[in-house]
Amino acid sequence: MKSIISDLRLKYAEKTWNETFQLVRRCMDKSRDESKPCELLGRSLERLQEVFNVSSMNAMRSRLEMIAKQRGMGFHITEATCYLTADLFYLEVVLLPCGGVEEVKVAPHGGSPVSSESLLQLLRSKNFADFSMKLEGLFTQYNIPGDNDVKLKLFASLQYLGKDLQVLSHLSRVTEDSDPQMDMITNSRIGCLIAGKEDCPLTIQFYTIPTDGMKTSVARMEPVVQAAQVTVSPSDATHKLQMASVIPQPTQLDLQGYPVFTPLSEGPYETFPACFLLKLKPAIPMMLSFVKKLSQITDVTIPDVDLQWAPLPKLLQRGSLSANSHGETLDEQDTIFTVPLPGDVMHSYIFPGAAWEVPAQRATVMDNIPFTHPAHVPALLELLRHQCAINTLLRSCMCTSPGSACDLHFEVLPESDTSFSVTFHRPDADSLAVLLMDISDCHQINCSLFGAGIGDSSMDEYVSSVLKRCMSVPVTLQALYSKIEQITSTPLSPSRTSTAEAENDHSSPSITTLTDANTTFSQSAAVPEDGFTISGSACYAMSVAKSELLSEINTSPAVNPYPFAPVGVFSHWITNNGQLSELI
């Protein structure tokens, strides 16, 4: 055996890669079992292909054939044209004698071949890896379940769905944003609809960060555009799917401005073991309550067996696009993120694990949303936009700069599935304040500032407008700090002075005693005049009771964001970092 291997090495030591490549091909052609080609030879061929310089027509044919087989497609050759075939589409690649590519066409079933510039450029640049990935996406687009008859019917149903979505996208509406593209994506009924082409499925762009947020944030935490591809997928249950347009012409609108759809009993429908699908690009972490609402909209059950649940911040941290999104762990549950801001300002954000581990804050990553009717799409997109808005705000606190000293510290706590609070040390007093952020939907985001002496509706409106404009918690808090410092540095007018004195006279301090492990503090030594309590180990926002918060956004009894125990997460952490040592 050693002699044979040595002879083979000597024989092919001076051979070119092309000759070695042809040898492997001949060995594969002579495989003893046609149904099971030699796996070892197949891997060898793929490795040779990766290093082989494609400089001839035969070499390009061989590379295209290998890619087609990897994707489960057929491969045929006619003179200078290669055909990569599947059940519902095929690719037509016209080659040049030098190994170059003259043209690439894609033909869906029953349609004429249409040139694909994207696929052509990938082959001309010899970028076979991206070409293979593009082909995989194309194969998935047309990978419709069932036998040939069912495939054709589902393909036709998908095309009718696309036409109805086009009608929805062209309905007149009031423009809300000065940027037409931004307005179309975030405010229109079904986002920005990109018509499906032969080499690209029907795509809906439905959420993006405001341009102000991109300009002011140091680290962009969200993809520029959140999109969904519209496809068909097999289903365990049968569903009625349209076999014609379900929007009668001329279009009649209901009171909400949506078209009146043809009832299921009247329209041409057929029952299939399949459903339409929104394939989210990228996948979206969604809270349990939102996942339940998806099923309520579509009446299609989302199997729980494939869903993996975890606290929302953990899922957002894993899926963050920031390279520095891994927070420092205080213990097994609490995590700190250090966020850089313009002007060399550093913020620290702590997410207490115990608060986010409650059942109401469970979430899972959704990559596919099943539905059966075009009327479902606008409602689904609004729900997805709502979740994206919550995710964007929380992700804005999750960029970490290791080894950086922090100027300000904040604690982020959940209040409900659509609201959370941020506790921080006030710049104008030795006490804590709380900023409550309520995300009613992606268009209605309201902030409420709690703390003794700062109850001002104009301040709430200012903070809310900043947050909606930039969709960044750190940027908003930086603006809030600047606003408070600006107000406190301005001399009080006589009316403001008398109002402040009246507030101080009206508040009658009560005796409060806090006991930690070693020391008892009396109210006279521990409570400043603004109503906040400072103990030897912690600061507590005593004046902010849960009853002061809006009842509809304070629905999680398992979480108490303003603890009255001697040691709190935020106060213990901020004291250990030396920020309040002068107050203790």
Foldseek 3Di string as FASTA:
>chain_A
DVVVVVVVCVVCVPPDLVVVLVVLVVVQVPAPDPVDTDPVSLVVNVVSLVPDDQFFLVNLLVLVCNLLVVLVWDWDDDVQWIWTHDLFKIKIWGADGRRATDWIWIAGHPGDTDTDPVLNVCRRVVVSVVNSVLVNQLCVQLVADDDSVVSVQQVLLLVLLLVQVVVQLPQDDDFDDPDVQQSQQAPGLQRDWDDQDRSGATKHWHDAFFPQQVVFFPDQFDPRTKMWGKGKDFAPDKDKTANHHQADPPFDADPVRHTDGHDPVPGDIDIDRMFMKTFIVVWAKDFPVLQVVLCVLAVDDDDPVPWDKDFPLVVSLVPTPAPQQAFDDPDPAKTKAWGAGPPRAIEIEIEGRQQRGDNQRMITIDRMRTHHHSVSNSVNSQSVLQRVLVSLASSLRGGHDPPDDHDWYWYWGAQGSFKIKIKTQAPQDRAIKIWIWGRPTNQDIWIAIDFFPPRDVVLRVVLRVVCNNNSYPVVSVVVSNVVVVVVVVDDDDPVRVVVVVVSLVPDDDDWDWADDPPDIDICVLFADSSGWGDDPQFTFRVVDDPVVDDPVRRPDPSDDPGDPHPDDDRGNVCVVSVPCPVVD
